[in-house]
Amino acid sequence: MTTIPQSTAAPAATETQAVALQLSELVLKTGRYDGMRAFYTHVLGHGPFYERTPDPDAPPRPAGMPERAVDVRLGFFRVHDAPHSQVLALFGIDRLAGTEPSGPGLHHFQFGVDSLGDLVTQHEHMVSFGVRPHRAANHGQATSFYYRDPDGNIVEFSCPNFATTEEEVAFMSGPVFAANPSGLELDPERFAARYRAGDPESELLRLDNQAVAL
């Protein structure tokens, strides 16, 4: 009987395809849990749906192991429920108290709103808490106000400037966005005041509109 030699070659790589993903949870670690809890309670309009304080008698975390939910003061905030849950979480870590965030890592994260009116309303909501944006801009495809939380993380609220994704993509593929993706820097108070005064959105969103720019 003839023996057929077995191949020792590695199997050919199989082409793979990524599945559709949704950002479902964002976790911020902090040494300022109470201040961060108050800030995000105001941002979202509600407190955490779940909180937990670690058991002081629990065994210490093994050396070299990253913090786990069981090791930290924990708070989960519901951001959105449909079609899938979106959660913002805080990990309160005492050893981080007094430290400043720096180096590689999170630059900013964004909450999307549906309209310019919602953006202005959220701005007014933040001002009622004593928090004002350190930056605002008409990027062309979207308008955004940027704030800092108690840890200095940049929190962006943004609304689309176009009614459809096709219009947005067309703008971002064009020469205006290519030349200046940052867009027009805005005076947020002047912008909000003009919106409340009834100025048309088409006028407010002009990229050459110096009346609302810095």
N, C-alpha and C. Protein backbone atom coordinates (compact mmCIF):
# COMPACT_ATOMS: atom_id res chain seq x y z
N MET A 1 0.85 -1.18 0.00
CA MET A 1 0.00 0.00 0.00
C MET A 1 0.89 1.23 0.00
N THR A 2 0.50 2.22 -0.83
CA THR A 2 1.28 3.46 -0.94
C THR A 2 0.85 4.43 0.16
N THR A 3 1.85 4.97 0.84
CA THR A 3 1.55 5.97 1.87
C THR A 3 1.63 7.36 1.27
N ILE A 4 0.59 8.13 1.46
CA ILE A 4 0.56 9.50 0.93
C ILE A 4 1.17 10.42 1.97
N PRO A 5 2.28 11.12 1.63
CA PRO A 5 2.92 12.01 2.61
C PRO A 5 1.98 13.14 3.04
N GLN A 6 2.04 13.45 4.32
CA GLN A 6 1.21 14.54 4.84
C GLN A 6 1.94 15.87 4.67
N SER A 7 1.23 16.88 4.22
CA SER A 7 1.84 18.19 4.03
C SER A 7 2.12 18.84 5.38
N THR A 8 3.27 19.47 5.48
CA THR A 8 3.61 20.20 6.70
C THR A 8 3.41 21.69 6.54
N ALA A 9 2.94 22.09 5.36
CA ALA A 9 2.72 23.52 5.12
C ALA A 9 1.57 24.04 5.97
N ALA A 10 1.71 25.29 6.38
CA ALA A 10 0.63 25.91 7.16
C ALA A 10 -0.60 26.07 6.27
N PRO A 11 -1.79 25.92 6.84
CA PRO A 11 -3.00 26.10 6.03
C PRO A 11 -3.10 27.53 5.51
N ALA A 12 -3.66 27.66 4.32
CA ALA A 12 -3.81 28.99 3.72
C ALA A 12 -4.70 29.86 4.60
N ALA A 13 -4.33 31.13 4.67
CA ALA A 13 -5.12 32.06 5.46
C ALA A 13 -6.52 32.19 4.87
N THR A 14 -7.49 32.21 5.73
CA THR A 14 -8.87 32.36 5.30
C THR A 14 -9.25 33.82 5.36
N GLU A 15 -9.83 34.32 4.29
CA GLU A 15 -10.25 35.72 4.28
C GLU A 15 -11.36 35.91 5.30
N THR A 16 -11.23 36.96 6.10
CA THR A 16 -12.23 37.23 7.14
C THR A 16 -12.91 38.57 6.88
N GLN A 17 -14.02 38.77 7.55
CA GLN A 17 -14.76 40.01 7.41
C GLN A 17 -15.21 40.48 8.78
N ALA A 18 -15.01 41.76 9.04
CA ALA A 18 -15.43 42.31 10.32
C ALA A 18 -16.95 42.35 10.41
N VAL A 19 -17.45 42.13 11.59
CA VAL A 19 -18.90 42.24 11.80
C VAL A 19 -19.23 43.70 12.09
N ALA A 20 -20.50 44.05 11.96
CA ALA A 20 -20.95 45.41 12.27
C ALA A 20 -20.83 45.64 13.77
N LEU A 21 -20.17 46.72 14.15
CA LEU A 21 -19.93 47.00 15.56
C LEU A 21 -20.65 48.28 15.99
N GLN A 22 -20.90 48.37 17.28
CA GLN A 22 -21.44 49.59 17.87
C GLN A 22 -20.68 49.85 19.16
N LEU A 23 -20.29 51.11 19.37
CA LEU A 23 -19.65 51.45 20.63
C LEU A 23 -20.68 51.35 21.74
N SER A 24 -20.55 50.36 22.61
CA SER A 24 -21.59 50.09 23.60
C SER A 24 -21.20 50.50 25.01
N GLU A 25 -19.89 50.70 25.27
CA GLU A 25 -19.49 51.10 26.62
C GLU A 25 -18.20 51.91 26.55
N LEU A 26 -18.17 52.99 27.30
CA LEU A 26 -16.98 53.80 27.47
C LEU A 26 -16.72 53.90 28.96
N VAL A 27 -15.50 53.55 29.39
CA VAL A 27 -15.17 53.54 30.81
C VAL A 27 -14.05 54.54 31.07
N LEU A 28 -14.30 55.47 31.99
CA LEU A 28 -13.30 56.46 32.39
C LEU A 28 -12.82 56.12 33.80
N LYS A 29 -11.50 56.09 33.99
CA LYS A 29 -10.97 55.90 35.34
C LYS A 29 -10.64 57.26 35.93
N THR A 30 -10.88 57.39 37.23
CA THR A 30 -10.75 58.71 37.86
C THR A 30 -10.39 58.60 39.32
N GLY A 31 -9.69 59.61 39.80
CA GLY A 31 -9.46 59.77 41.23
C GLY A 31 -10.40 60.80 41.82
N ARG A 32 -11.35 61.30 41.01
CA ARG A 32 -12.30 62.33 41.44
C ARG A 32 -13.72 61.80 41.22
N TYR A 33 -14.03 60.67 41.79
CA TYR A 33 -15.30 60.00 41.48
C TYR A 33 -16.51 60.89 41.76
N ASP A 34 -16.56 61.54 42.89
CA ASP A 34 -17.75 62.33 43.25
C ASP A 34 -17.96 63.48 42.27
N GLY A 35 -16.89 64.18 41.92
CA GLY A 35 -17.01 65.28 40.97
C GLY A 35 -17.40 64.80 39.59
N MET A 36 -16.82 63.68 39.15
CA MET A 36 -17.15 63.12 37.84
C MET A 36 -18.59 62.61 37.83
N ARG A 37 -19.03 62.01 38.93
CA ARG A 37 -20.41 61.53 39.02
C ARG A 37 -21.39 62.69 38.89
N ALA A 38 -21.10 63.79 39.59
CA ALA A 38 -21.99 64.94 39.51
C ALA A 38 -22.01 65.53 38.10
N PHE A 39 -20.85 65.60 37.46
CA PHE A 39 -20.75 66.17 36.11
C PHE A 39 -21.58 65.36 35.12
N TYR A 40 -21.39 64.04 35.10
CA TYR A 40 -22.08 63.22 34.11
C TYR A 40 -23.55 63.01 34.46
N THR A 41 -23.91 63.13 35.73
CA THR A 41 -25.32 63.14 36.09
C THR A 41 -26.00 64.35 35.46
N HIS A 42 -25.31 65.49 35.47
CA HIS A 42 -25.87 66.70 34.86
C HIS A 42 -25.89 66.57 33.33
N VAL A 43 -24.79 66.09 32.76
CA VAL A 43 -24.72 65.93 31.29
C VAL A 43 -25.87 65.08 30.78
N LEU A 44 -26.11 63.95 31.43
CA LEU A 44 -27.08 62.97 30.93
C LEU A 44 -28.49 63.20 31.46
N GLY A 45 -28.61 64.00 32.51
CA GLY A 45 -29.93 64.26 33.07
C GLY A 45 -30.41 63.20 34.03
N HIS A 46 -29.55 62.26 34.41
CA HIS A 46 -29.90 61.23 35.38
C HIS A 46 -28.63 60.63 35.96
N GLY A 47 -28.78 60.03 37.12
CA GLY A 47 -27.64 59.43 37.79
C GLY A 47 -27.37 58.02 37.30
N PRO A 48 -26.40 57.35 37.91
CA PRO A 48 -26.07 55.98 37.52
C PRO A 48 -27.24 55.03 37.77
N PHE A 49 -27.40 54.04 36.88
CA PHE A 49 -28.42 53.02 37.14
C PHE A 49 -27.86 51.91 38.02
N TYR A 50 -26.53 51.92 38.22
CA TYR A 50 -25.91 50.93 39.10
C TYR A 50 -24.65 51.54 39.69
N GLU A 51 -24.48 51.38 40.99
CA GLU A 51 -23.25 51.82 41.66
C GLU A 51 -22.83 50.76 42.67
N ARG A 52 -21.51 50.70 42.88
CA ARG A 52 -20.99 49.72 43.82
C ARG A 52 -19.71 50.26 44.43
N THR A 53 -19.55 50.04 45.72
CA THR A 53 -18.31 50.37 46.43
C THR A 53 -17.59 49.08 46.77
N PRO A 54 -16.29 48.99 46.53
CA PRO A 54 -15.61 47.72 46.79
C PRO A 54 -15.63 47.33 48.27
N ASP A 55 -15.64 46.05 48.50
CA ASP A 55 -15.62 45.49 49.86
C ASP A 55 -14.24 45.75 50.46
N PRO A 56 -14.15 46.51 51.57
CA PRO A 56 -12.84 46.80 52.15
C PRO A 56 -12.11 45.56 52.67
N ASP A 57 -12.86 44.48 52.89
CA ASP A 57 -12.26 43.26 53.41
C ASP A 57 -11.90 42.25 52.30
N ALA A 58 -12.13 42.65 51.04
CA ALA A 58 -11.83 41.74 49.94
C ALA A 58 -10.33 41.56 49.80
N PRO A 59 -9.86 40.42 49.28
CA PRO A 59 -8.43 40.22 49.07
C PRO A 59 -7.87 41.28 48.13
N PRO A 60 -6.63 41.70 48.32
CA PRO A 60 -6.06 42.73 47.44
C PRO A 60 -5.94 42.23 46.01
N ARG A 61 -5.96 43.18 45.09
CA ARG A 61 -5.80 42.86 43.68
C ARG A 61 -4.39 42.31 43.44
N PRO A 62 -4.26 41.19 42.72
CA PRO A 62 -2.93 40.63 42.46
C PRO A 62 -2.04 41.64 41.75
N ALA A 63 -0.77 41.67 42.10
CA ALA A 63 0.18 42.59 41.50
C ALA A 63 0.22 42.40 39.99
N GLY A 64 0.22 43.51 39.27
CA GLY A 64 0.31 43.46 37.82
C GLY A 64 -1.03 43.30 37.11
N MET A 65 -2.09 43.02 37.85
CA MET A 65 -3.39 42.85 37.23
C MET A 65 -4.09 44.20 37.13
N PRO A 66 -4.65 44.55 35.96
CA PRO A 66 -5.37 45.82 35.85
C PRO A 66 -6.58 45.84 36.76
N GLU A 67 -7.03 47.07 37.07
CA GLU A 67 -8.22 47.19 37.90
C GLU A 67 -9.42 46.50 37.23
N ARG A 68 -10.18 45.81 38.06
CA ARG A 68 -11.43 45.19 37.60
C ARG A 68 -12.59 45.89 38.29
N ALA A 69 -13.80 45.64 37.81
CA ALA A 69 -14.97 46.29 38.39
C ALA A 69 -15.07 46.00 39.89
N VAL A 70 -14.65 44.81 40.31
CA VAL A 70 -14.78 44.43 41.72
C VAL A 70 -13.79 45.20 42.60
N ASP A 71 -12.74 45.79 41.98
CA ASP A 71 -11.69 46.45 42.74
C ASP A 71 -11.94 47.94 42.96
N VAL A 72 -12.92 48.52 42.30
CA VAL A 72 -13.03 49.97 42.24
C VAL A 72 -14.42 50.44 42.67
N ARG A 73 -14.52 51.72 42.97
CA ARG A 73 -15.83 52.34 43.12
C ARG A 73 -16.41 52.49 41.72
N LEU A 74 -17.60 52.01 41.52
CA LEU A 74 -18.11 51.79 40.18
C LEU A 74 -19.45 52.48 39.97
N GLY A 75 -19.61 53.12 38.83
CA GLY A 75 -20.90 53.71 38.47
C GLY A 75 -21.18 53.51 37.00
N PHE A 76 -22.36 53.00 36.67
CA PHE A 76 -22.79 52.81 35.28
C PHE A 76 -23.94 53.77 34.96
N PHE A 77 -23.76 54.56 33.90
CA PHE A 77 -24.80 55.48 33.43
C PHE A 77 -25.35 54.97 32.10
N ARG A 78 -26.67 54.96 31.98
CA ARG A 78 -27.28 54.60 30.70
C ARG A 78 -27.28 55.83 29.79
N VAL A 79 -26.71 55.69 28.59
CA VAL A 79 -26.72 56.77 27.61
C VAL A 79 -27.89 56.61 26.65
N HIS A 80 -28.08 55.39 26.16
CA HIS A 80 -29.11 55.13 25.15
C HIS A 80 -29.47 53.65 25.22
N ASP A 81 -30.71 53.33 24.92
CA ASP A 81 -31.16 51.94 25.03
C ASP A 81 -31.42 51.25 23.71
N ALA A 82 -31.84 51.97 22.68
CA ALA A 82 -32.28 51.32 21.45
C ALA A 82 -31.37 51.71 20.28
N PRO A 83 -31.07 50.76 19.37
CA PRO A 83 -31.49 49.36 19.43
C PRO A 83 -30.63 48.52 20.37
N HIS A 84 -29.47 49.06 20.80
CA HIS A 84 -28.61 48.35 21.75
C HIS A 84 -28.23 49.31 22.87
N SER A 85 -27.89 48.75 24.00
CA SER A 85 -27.53 49.55 25.15
C SER A 85 -26.21 50.27 24.93
N GLN A 86 -26.15 51.55 25.33
CA GLN A 86 -24.91 52.32 25.34
C GLN A 86 -24.70 52.82 26.76
N VAL A 87 -23.50 52.59 27.29
CA VAL A 87 -23.23 52.84 28.70
C VAL A 87 -21.94 53.65 28.85
N LEU A 88 -21.98 54.62 29.76
CA LEU A 88 -20.79 55.32 30.21
C LEU A 88 -20.53 54.87 31.64
N ALA A 89 -19.30 54.45 31.93
CA ALA A 89 -18.99 53.96 33.27
C ALA A 89 -17.83 54.75 33.87
N LEU A 90 -17.85 54.86 35.19
CA LEU A 90 -16.76 55.47 35.95
C LEU A 90 -16.13 54.42 36.85
N PHE A 91 -14.80 54.34 36.81
CA PHE A 91 -14.04 53.52 37.74
C PHE A 91 -13.32 54.47 38.69
N GLY A 92 -13.77 54.53 39.94
CA GLY A 92 -13.12 55.38 40.92
C GLY A 92 -11.91 54.67 41.51
N ILE A 93 -10.71 55.22 41.26
CA ILE A 93 -9.45 54.59 41.70
C ILE A 93 -8.71 55.60 42.58
N ASP A 94 -8.65 55.33 43.87
CA ASP A 94 -8.12 56.30 44.83
C ASP A 94 -6.71 56.75 44.52
N ARG A 95 -5.87 55.85 44.01
CA ARG A 95 -4.46 56.20 43.79
C ARG A 95 -4.29 57.25 42.70
N LEU A 96 -5.35 57.51 41.91
CA LEU A 96 -5.26 58.51 40.85
C LEU A 96 -5.60 59.91 41.34
N ALA A 97 -6.02 60.03 42.58
CA ALA A 97 -6.39 61.35 43.11
C ALA A 97 -5.22 62.31 42.99
N GLY A 98 -5.49 63.50 42.47
CA GLY A 98 -4.46 64.52 42.34
C GLY A 98 -3.61 64.42 41.10
N THR A 99 -3.80 63.39 40.30
CA THR A 99 -3.01 63.24 39.08
C THR A 99 -3.66 63.99 37.93
N GLU A 100 -2.87 64.33 36.94
CA GLU A 100 -3.37 64.99 35.74
C GLU A 100 -3.30 64.03 34.57
N PRO A 101 -4.37 63.91 33.77
CA PRO A 101 -4.30 63.03 32.60
C PRO A 101 -3.34 63.61 31.57
N SER A 102 -2.46 62.77 31.05
CA SER A 102 -1.50 63.22 30.04
C SER A 102 -0.99 62.01 29.29
N GLY A 103 -0.29 62.28 28.20
CA GLY A 103 0.32 61.20 27.44
C GLY A 103 -0.67 60.53 26.50
N PRO A 104 -0.26 59.39 25.92
CA PRO A 104 -1.14 58.70 24.97
C PRO A 104 -2.44 58.26 25.63
N GLY A 105 -3.48 58.17 24.84
CA GLY A 105 -4.76 57.72 25.37
C GLY A 105 -5.90 58.52 24.79
N LEU A 106 -6.94 58.66 25.55
CA LEU A 106 -8.15 59.34 25.10
C LEU A 106 -7.87 60.80 24.80
N HIS A 107 -8.28 61.25 23.61
CA HIS A 107 -8.21 62.68 23.29
C HIS A 107 -9.54 63.34 23.61
N HIS A 108 -10.63 62.80 23.08
CA HIS A 108 -11.95 63.28 23.43
C HIS A 108 -12.97 62.24 23.01
N PHE A 109 -14.19 62.39 23.50
CA PHE A 109 -15.27 61.55 23.00
C PHE A 109 -16.48 62.42 22.76
N GLN A 110 -17.41 61.91 21.96
CA GLN A 110 -18.50 62.73 21.45
C GLN A 110 -19.86 62.15 21.79
N PHE A 111 -20.77 63.03 22.21
CA PHE A 111 -22.19 62.72 22.29
C PHE A 111 -22.87 63.39 21.09
N GLY A 112 -23.59 62.61 20.31
CA GLY A 112 -24.31 63.18 19.19
C GLY A 112 -25.69 63.67 19.60
N VAL A 113 -26.11 64.80 19.04
CA VAL A 113 -27.47 65.30 19.24
C VAL A 113 -28.10 65.45 17.86
N ASP A 114 -29.43 65.54 17.83
CA ASP A 114 -30.15 65.46 16.56
C ASP A 114 -30.20 66.76 15.78
N SER A 115 -30.09 67.89 16.45
CA SER A 115 -30.33 69.16 15.75
C SER A 115 -29.54 70.29 16.38
N LEU A 116 -29.49 71.41 15.66
CA LEU A 116 -28.83 72.60 16.19
C LEU A 116 -29.55 73.09 17.43
N GLY A 117 -30.88 72.98 17.44
CA GLY A 117 -31.63 73.36 18.63
C GLY A 117 -31.25 72.54 19.84
N ASP A 118 -31.07 71.23 19.63
CA ASP A 118 -30.65 70.36 20.74
C ASP A 118 -29.25 70.74 21.22
N LEU A 119 -28.37 71.11 20.28
CA LEU A 119 -27.01 71.50 20.65
C LEU A 119 -27.03 72.75 21.53
N VAL A 120 -27.82 73.74 21.15
CA VAL A 120 -27.92 74.97 21.93
C VAL A 120 -28.57 74.68 23.29
N THR A 121 -29.60 73.85 23.30
CA THR A 121 -30.26 73.49 24.56
C THR A 121 -29.29 72.79 25.50
N GLN A 122 -28.47 71.86 24.97
CA GLN A 122 -27.48 71.18 25.81
C GLN A 122 -26.43 72.17 26.32
N HIS A 123 -26.04 73.11 25.47
CA HIS A 123 -25.11 74.15 25.91
C HIS A 123 -25.69 74.92 27.09
N GLU A 124 -26.93 75.32 26.99
CA GLU A 124 -27.57 76.06 28.08
C GLU A 124 -27.67 75.19 29.34
N HIS A 125 -27.90 73.90 29.15
CA HIS A 125 -27.95 72.96 30.28
C HIS A 125 -26.59 72.89 30.97
N MET A 126 -25.51 72.87 30.20
CA MET A 126 -24.18 72.82 30.78
C MET A 126 -23.84 74.12 31.52
N VAL A 127 -24.23 75.25 30.93
CA VAL A 127 -23.99 76.55 31.57
C VAL A 127 -24.70 76.62 32.92
N SER A 128 -25.88 76.01 33.02
CA SER A 128 -26.62 76.03 34.29
C SER A 128 -25.87 75.30 35.39
N PHE A 129 -24.91 74.46 35.02
CA PHE A 129 -24.08 73.72 35.97
C PHE A 129 -22.73 74.43 36.18
N GLY A 130 -22.57 75.58 35.54
CA GLY A 130 -21.33 76.34 35.67
C GLY A 130 -20.23 75.87 34.73
N VAL A 131 -20.58 75.11 33.70
CA VAL A 131 -19.59 74.56 32.78
C VAL A 131 -19.78 75.21 31.41
N ARG A 132 -18.73 75.85 30.90
CA ARG A 132 -18.79 76.50 29.59
C ARG A 132 -17.80 75.84 28.64
N PRO A 133 -18.09 75.87 27.35
CA PRO A 133 -17.18 75.22 26.40
C PRO A 133 -15.85 75.95 26.30
N HIS A 134 -14.78 75.19 26.15
CA HIS A 134 -13.49 75.81 25.90
C HIS A 134 -13.26 76.01 24.41
N ARG A 135 -14.16 75.42 23.60
CA ARG A 135 -14.05 75.57 22.15
C ARG A 135 -15.40 75.26 21.52
N ALA A 136 -15.69 75.91 20.40
CA ALA A 136 -16.86 75.58 19.58
C ALA A 136 -16.45 75.79 18.13
N ALA A 137 -16.99 74.96 17.23
CA ALA A 137 -16.59 75.06 15.83
C ALA A 137 -17.67 74.54 14.90
N ASN A 138 -17.78 75.19 13.75
CA ASN A 138 -18.55 74.65 12.63
C ASN A 138 -17.53 73.93 11.75
N HIS A 139 -17.54 72.60 11.80
CA HIS A 139 -16.57 71.81 11.04
C HIS A 139 -16.96 71.67 9.58
N GLY A 140 -18.12 72.14 9.22
CA GLY A 140 -18.62 72.00 7.86
C GLY A 140 -19.68 70.92 7.80
N GLN A 141 -19.31 69.69 8.13
CA GLN A 141 -20.26 68.58 8.14
C GLN A 141 -21.01 68.49 9.46
N ALA A 142 -20.50 69.16 10.51
CA ALA A 142 -21.12 69.11 11.83
C ALA A 142 -20.73 70.36 12.61
N THR A 143 -21.53 70.68 13.61
CA THR A 143 -21.22 71.78 14.53
C THR A 143 -21.05 71.19 15.92
N SER A 144 -19.99 71.61 16.62
CA SER A 144 -19.63 70.98 17.89
C SER A 144 -19.26 72.00 18.95
N PHE A 145 -19.66 71.71 20.18
CA PHE A 145 -19.23 72.45 21.36
C PHE A 145 -18.41 71.47 22.21
N TYR A 146 -17.27 71.94 22.75
CA TYR A 146 -16.35 71.09 23.50
C TYR A 146 -16.21 71.60 24.94
N TYR A 147 -16.31 70.66 25.88
CA TYR A 147 -16.22 70.97 27.31
C TYR A 147 -15.17 70.06 27.96
N ARG A 148 -14.77 70.39 29.19
CA ARG A 148 -13.87 69.52 29.95
C ARG A 148 -14.58 69.04 31.21
N ASP A 149 -14.46 67.74 31.48
CA ASP A 149 -15.02 67.21 32.72
C ASP A 149 -14.06 67.47 33.87
N PRO A 150 -14.39 67.09 35.10
CA PRO A 150 -13.50 67.40 36.23
C PRO A 150 -12.10 66.80 36.12
N ASP A 151 -11.93 65.76 35.31
CA ASP A 151 -10.60 65.19 35.10
C ASP A 151 -9.88 65.82 33.92
N GLY A 152 -10.52 66.75 33.23
CA GLY A 152 -9.90 67.38 32.08
C GLY A 152 -10.17 66.67 30.76
N ASN A 153 -10.92 65.56 30.78
CA ASN A 153 -11.28 64.89 29.54
C ASN A 153 -12.15 65.82 28.69
N ILE A 154 -11.92 65.82 27.38
CA ILE A 154 -12.71 66.65 26.49
C ILE A 154 -13.98 65.91 26.09
N VAL A 155 -15.13 66.54 26.33
CA VAL A 155 -16.43 65.97 26.02
C VAL A 155 -17.06 66.84 24.92
N GLU A 156 -17.33 66.24 23.78
CA GLU A 156 -17.87 66.97 22.63
C GLU A 156 -19.36 66.66 22.47
N PHE A 157 -20.14 67.71 22.24
CA PHE A 157 -21.53 67.56 21.81
C PHE A 157 -21.60 68.05 20.37
N SER A 158 -22.18 67.24 19.48
CA SER A 158 -22.11 67.55 18.06
C SER A 158 -23.42 67.23 17.36
N CYS A 159 -23.80 68.09 16.40
CA CYS A 159 -24.99 67.84 15.59
C CYS A 159 -24.61 67.89 14.11
N PRO A 160 -25.27 67.10 13.28
CA PRO A 160 -24.96 67.11 11.85
C PRO A 160 -25.45 68.40 11.20
N ASN A 161 -24.69 68.86 10.22
CA ASN A 161 -25.09 70.05 9.46
C ASN A 161 -25.87 69.70 8.19
N PHE A 162 -25.90 68.41 7.83
CA PHE A 162 -26.59 67.98 6.62
C PHE A 162 -27.70 67.01 6.98
N ALA A 163 -28.72 66.97 6.13
CA ALA A 163 -29.88 66.11 6.40
C ALA A 163 -29.59 64.65 6.09
N THR A 164 -28.63 64.37 5.21
CA THR A 164 -28.36 62.99 4.81
C THR A 164 -26.88 62.67 4.90
N THR A 165 -26.59 61.38 5.04
CA THR A 165 -25.19 60.93 5.06
C THR A 165 -24.52 61.21 3.73
N GLU A 166 -25.26 61.10 2.64
CA GLU A 166 -24.69 61.33 1.30
C GLU A 166 -24.19 62.77 1.18
N GLU A 167 -24.96 63.73 1.69
CA GLU A 167 -24.52 65.12 1.64
C GLU A 167 -23.27 65.33 2.51
N GLU A 168 -23.26 64.69 3.66
CA GLU A 168 -22.11 64.81 4.56
C GLU A 168 -20.84 64.26 3.91
N VAL A 169 -20.95 63.07 3.32
CA VAL A 169 -19.79 62.44 2.67
C VAL A 169 -19.32 63.28 1.49
N ALA A 170 -20.26 63.83 0.74
CA ALA A 170 -19.89 64.66 -0.41
C ALA A 170 -19.10 65.88 0.04
N PHE A 171 -19.54 66.51 1.13
CA PHE A 171 -18.80 67.67 1.65
C PHE A 171 -17.40 67.27 2.11
N MET A 172 -17.31 66.17 2.86
CA MET A 172 -16.02 65.75 3.40
C MET A 172 -15.07 65.26 2.32
N SER A 173 -15.60 64.94 1.14
CA SER A 173 -14.75 64.52 0.02
C SER A 173 -14.32 65.71 -0.84
N GLY A 174 -14.79 66.90 -0.50
CA GLY A 174 -14.53 68.07 -1.32
C GLY A 174 -13.35 68.89 -0.87
N PRO A 175 -13.02 69.94 -1.61
CA PRO A 175 -11.83 70.74 -1.35
C PRO A 175 -11.91 71.61 -0.10
N VAL A 176 -13.10 72.05 0.30
CA VAL A 176 -13.22 72.92 1.47
C VAL A 176 -12.82 72.17 2.73
N PHE A 177 -13.33 70.94 2.90
CA PHE A 177 -12.98 70.14 4.08
C PHE A 177 -11.52 69.70 4.03
N ALA A 178 -11.03 69.36 2.84
CA ALA A 178 -9.64 68.94 2.71
C ALA A 178 -8.68 70.05 3.13
N ALA A 179 -9.04 71.29 2.80
CA ALA A 179 -8.17 72.42 3.13
C ALA A 179 -8.21 72.77 4.61
N ASN A 180 -9.36 72.50 5.27
CA ASN A 180 -9.49 72.90 6.67
C ASN A 180 -10.53 72.04 7.38
N PRO A 181 -10.15 70.82 7.83
CA PRO A 181 -11.11 69.95 8.50
C PRO A 181 -11.56 70.48 9.86
N SER A 182 -10.82 71.44 10.44
CA SER A 182 -11.24 72.01 11.72
C SER A 182 -12.41 72.96 11.54
N GLY A 183 -12.53 73.57 10.38
CA GLY A 183 -13.67 74.44 10.11
C GLY A 183 -13.52 75.83 10.72
N LEU A 184 -14.65 76.45 11.02
CA LEU A 184 -14.70 77.82 11.52
C LEU A 184 -14.87 77.82 13.03
N GLU A 185 -13.93 78.44 13.74
CA GLU A 185 -14.03 78.55 15.19
C GLU A 185 -15.16 79.52 15.55
N LEU A 186 -16.00 79.14 16.50
CA LEU A 186 -17.19 79.92 16.84
C LEU A 186 -17.10 80.52 18.24
N ASP A 187 -17.80 81.62 18.43
CA ASP A 187 -18.07 82.15 19.76
C ASP A 187 -19.36 81.48 20.23
N PRO A 188 -19.29 80.55 21.17
CA PRO A 188 -20.48 79.76 21.52
C PRO A 188 -21.63 80.59 22.07
N GLU A 189 -21.32 81.61 22.88
CA GLU A 189 -22.39 82.43 23.46
C GLU A 189 -23.09 83.24 22.37
N ARG A 190 -22.31 83.80 21.46
CA ARG A 190 -22.90 84.58 20.37
C ARG A 190 -23.72 83.68 19.45
N PHE A 191 -23.18 82.48 19.20
CA PHE A 191 -23.88 81.52 18.34
C PHE A 191 -25.23 81.15 18.95
N ALA A 192 -25.22 80.81 20.25
CA ALA A 192 -26.47 80.41 20.92
C ALA A 192 -27.46 81.56 20.96
N ALA A 193 -26.96 82.78 21.20
CA ALA A 193 -27.84 83.94 21.26
C ALA A 193 -28.50 84.19 19.90
N ARG A 194 -27.73 84.07 18.84
CA ARG A 194 -28.30 84.30 17.51
C ARG A 194 -29.31 83.21 17.15
N TYR A 195 -29.04 81.98 17.57
CA TYR A 195 -30.02 80.92 17.32
C TYR A 195 -31.33 81.22 18.05
N ARG A 196 -31.25 81.62 19.32
CA ARG A 196 -32.44 81.91 20.10
C ARG A 196 -33.16 83.15 19.56
N ALA A 197 -32.41 84.04 18.90
CA ALA A 197 -33.03 85.23 18.32
C ALA A 197 -33.75 84.93 17.02
N GLY A 198 -33.61 83.71 16.51
CA GLY A 198 -34.34 83.32 15.32
C GLY A 198 -33.56 83.42 14.02
N ASP A 199 -32.25 83.62 14.09
CA ASP A 199 -31.45 83.64 12.86
C ASP A 199 -31.58 82.30 12.15
N PRO A 200 -31.74 82.31 10.83
CA PRO A 200 -31.89 81.03 10.11
C PRO A 200 -30.64 80.16 10.21
N GLU A 201 -30.85 78.84 10.28
CA GLU A 201 -29.72 77.92 10.38
C GLU A 201 -28.80 78.04 9.18
N SER A 202 -29.37 78.28 8.01
CA SER A 202 -28.54 78.42 6.80
C SER A 202 -27.54 79.55 6.94
N GLU A 203 -27.92 80.60 7.68
CA GLU A 203 -27.02 81.73 7.92
C GLU A 203 -26.01 81.40 9.00
N LEU A 204 -26.48 80.77 10.07
CA LEU A 204 -25.59 80.43 11.19
C LEU A 204 -24.49 79.45 10.77
N LEU A 205 -24.80 78.58 9.79
CA LEU A 205 -23.87 77.51 9.43
C LEU A 205 -22.97 77.86 8.26
N ARG A 206 -23.04 79.09 7.79
CA ARG A 206 -22.11 79.50 6.72
C ARG A 206 -20.68 79.50 7.27
N LEU A 207 -19.77 78.92 6.51
CA LEU A 207 -18.38 78.84 6.96
C LEU A 207 -17.66 80.18 6.86
N ASP A 208 -18.25 81.15 6.19
CA ASP A 208 -17.66 82.48 6.13
C ASP A 208 -18.41 83.47 7.02
N ASN A 209 -19.19 82.95 7.95
CA ASN A 209 -20.06 83.79 8.78
C ASN A 209 -19.29 84.34 9.97
N GLN A 210 -18.71 85.52 9.80
CA GLN A 210 -17.90 86.10 10.86
C GLN A 210 -18.75 86.60 12.04
N ALA A 211 -20.06 86.71 11.83
CA ALA A 211 -20.91 87.21 12.91
C ALA A 211 -20.98 86.25 14.09
N VAL A 212 -20.68 84.97 13.88
CA VAL A 212 -20.69 84.01 14.99
C VAL A 212 -19.30 83.42 15.24
N ALA A 213 -18.33 83.88 14.45
CA ALA A 213 -16.99 83.33 14.60
C ALA A 213 -16.21 84.10 15.67
N LEU A 214 -15.11 83.52 16.09
CA LEU A 214 -14.24 84.18 17.06
C LEU A 214 -13.56 85.37 16.40
